[in-house]
Amino acid sequence: MDILPIDIKTKIVDKILNSISPADKTIDDLWIKEVNKRKNDIESGKVSLVDGDEVFKKISQRLK
């Protein structure tokens, strides 16, 4: 039986994980910067996305 809503559960898990391994703000900031760069690259057309199924199909073919 689910007593707590998912948002409360995720906050609890986050607090537990942070108590085990505290977050490093520098690393978080670098990841946010990287995510924004990749988002901009996609939106500007600088890079294109490839469907995951197609990627795995190509990998499978190369490994045969």
Protein backbone atom coordinates (compact mmCIF):
# COMPACT_ATOMS: atom_id res chain seq x y z
CA MET A 1 0.00 0.00 0.00
CA ASP A 2 1.40 3.42 -1.02
CA ILE A 3 1.04 5.83 1.86
CA LEU A 4 3.31 8.66 0.68
CA PRO A 5 3.03 10.49 -2.65
CA ILE A 6 5.93 10.03 -5.07
CA ASP A 7 7.26 13.59 -4.63
CA ILE A 8 7.64 13.05 -0.88
CA LYS A 9 9.32 9.68 -1.47
CA THR A 10 11.83 11.20 -3.90
CA LYS A 11 12.67 13.96 -1.41
CA ILE A 12 13.30 11.35 1.29
CA VAL A 13 15.51 9.28 -1.03
CA ASP A 14 17.39 12.41 -2.06
CA LYS A 15 18.07 13.31 1.58
CA ILE A 16 19.27 9.77 2.32
CA LEU A 17 21.59 9.76 -0.70
CA ASN A 18 22.96 13.20 0.18
CA SER A 19 23.69 12.00 3.71
CA ILE A 20 25.73 9.12 2.27
CA SER A 21 27.43 11.09 -0.48
CA PRO A 22 26.96 14.87 -0.21
CA ALA A 23 26.32 16.70 -3.47
CA ASP A 24 29.20 18.63 -4.98
CA LYS A 25 27.80 21.95 -6.24
CA THR A 26 30.74 22.39 -8.61
CA ILE A 27 29.96 19.10 -10.34
CA ASP A 28 26.24 19.90 -10.42
CA ASP A 29 27.00 23.28 -12.03
CA LEU A 30 29.22 21.63 -14.65
CA TRP A 31 26.48 19.11 -15.49
CA ILE A 32 23.89 21.89 -15.83
CA LYS A 33 26.26 23.75 -18.16
CA GLU A 34 26.80 20.59 -20.26
CA VAL A 35 23.07 19.82 -20.44
CA ASN A 36 22.32 23.37 -21.61
CA LYS A 37 25.09 23.15 -24.23
CA ARG A 38 23.71 19.88 -25.59
CA LYS A 39 20.16 21.27 -25.59
CA ASN A 40 21.32 24.32 -27.54
CA ASP A 41 23.25 22.12 -30.01
CA ILE A 42 20.11 20.07 -30.67
CA GLU A 43 17.79 23.07 -30.97
CA SER A 44 20.18 24.91 -33.30
CA GLY A 45 20.57 21.87 -35.56
CA LYS A 46 24.30 21.66 -34.85
CA VAL A 47 23.75 18.01 -33.94
CA SER A 48 20.96 15.59 -34.77
CA LEU A 49 19.37 12.92 -32.65
CA VAL A 50 19.40 9.25 -33.60
CA ASP A 51 16.67 6.87 -32.47
CA GLY A 52 17.92 4.47 -29.80
CA ASP A 53 16.66 1.40 -31.67
CA GLU A 54 18.66 2.48 -34.72
CA VAL A 55 21.81 2.91 -32.60
CA PHE A 56 21.49 -0.58 -31.11
CA LYS A 57 20.77 -2.05 -34.54
CA LYS A 58 23.99 -0.52 -35.93
CA ILE A 59 26.01 -1.70 -32.92
CA SER A 60 24.63 -5.21 -33.31
CA GLN A 61 25.54 -5.24 -37.00
CA ARG A 62 29.10 -4.10 -36.27
CA LEU A 63 29.59 -6.81 -33.66
CA LYS A 64 28.56 -9.64 -36.01
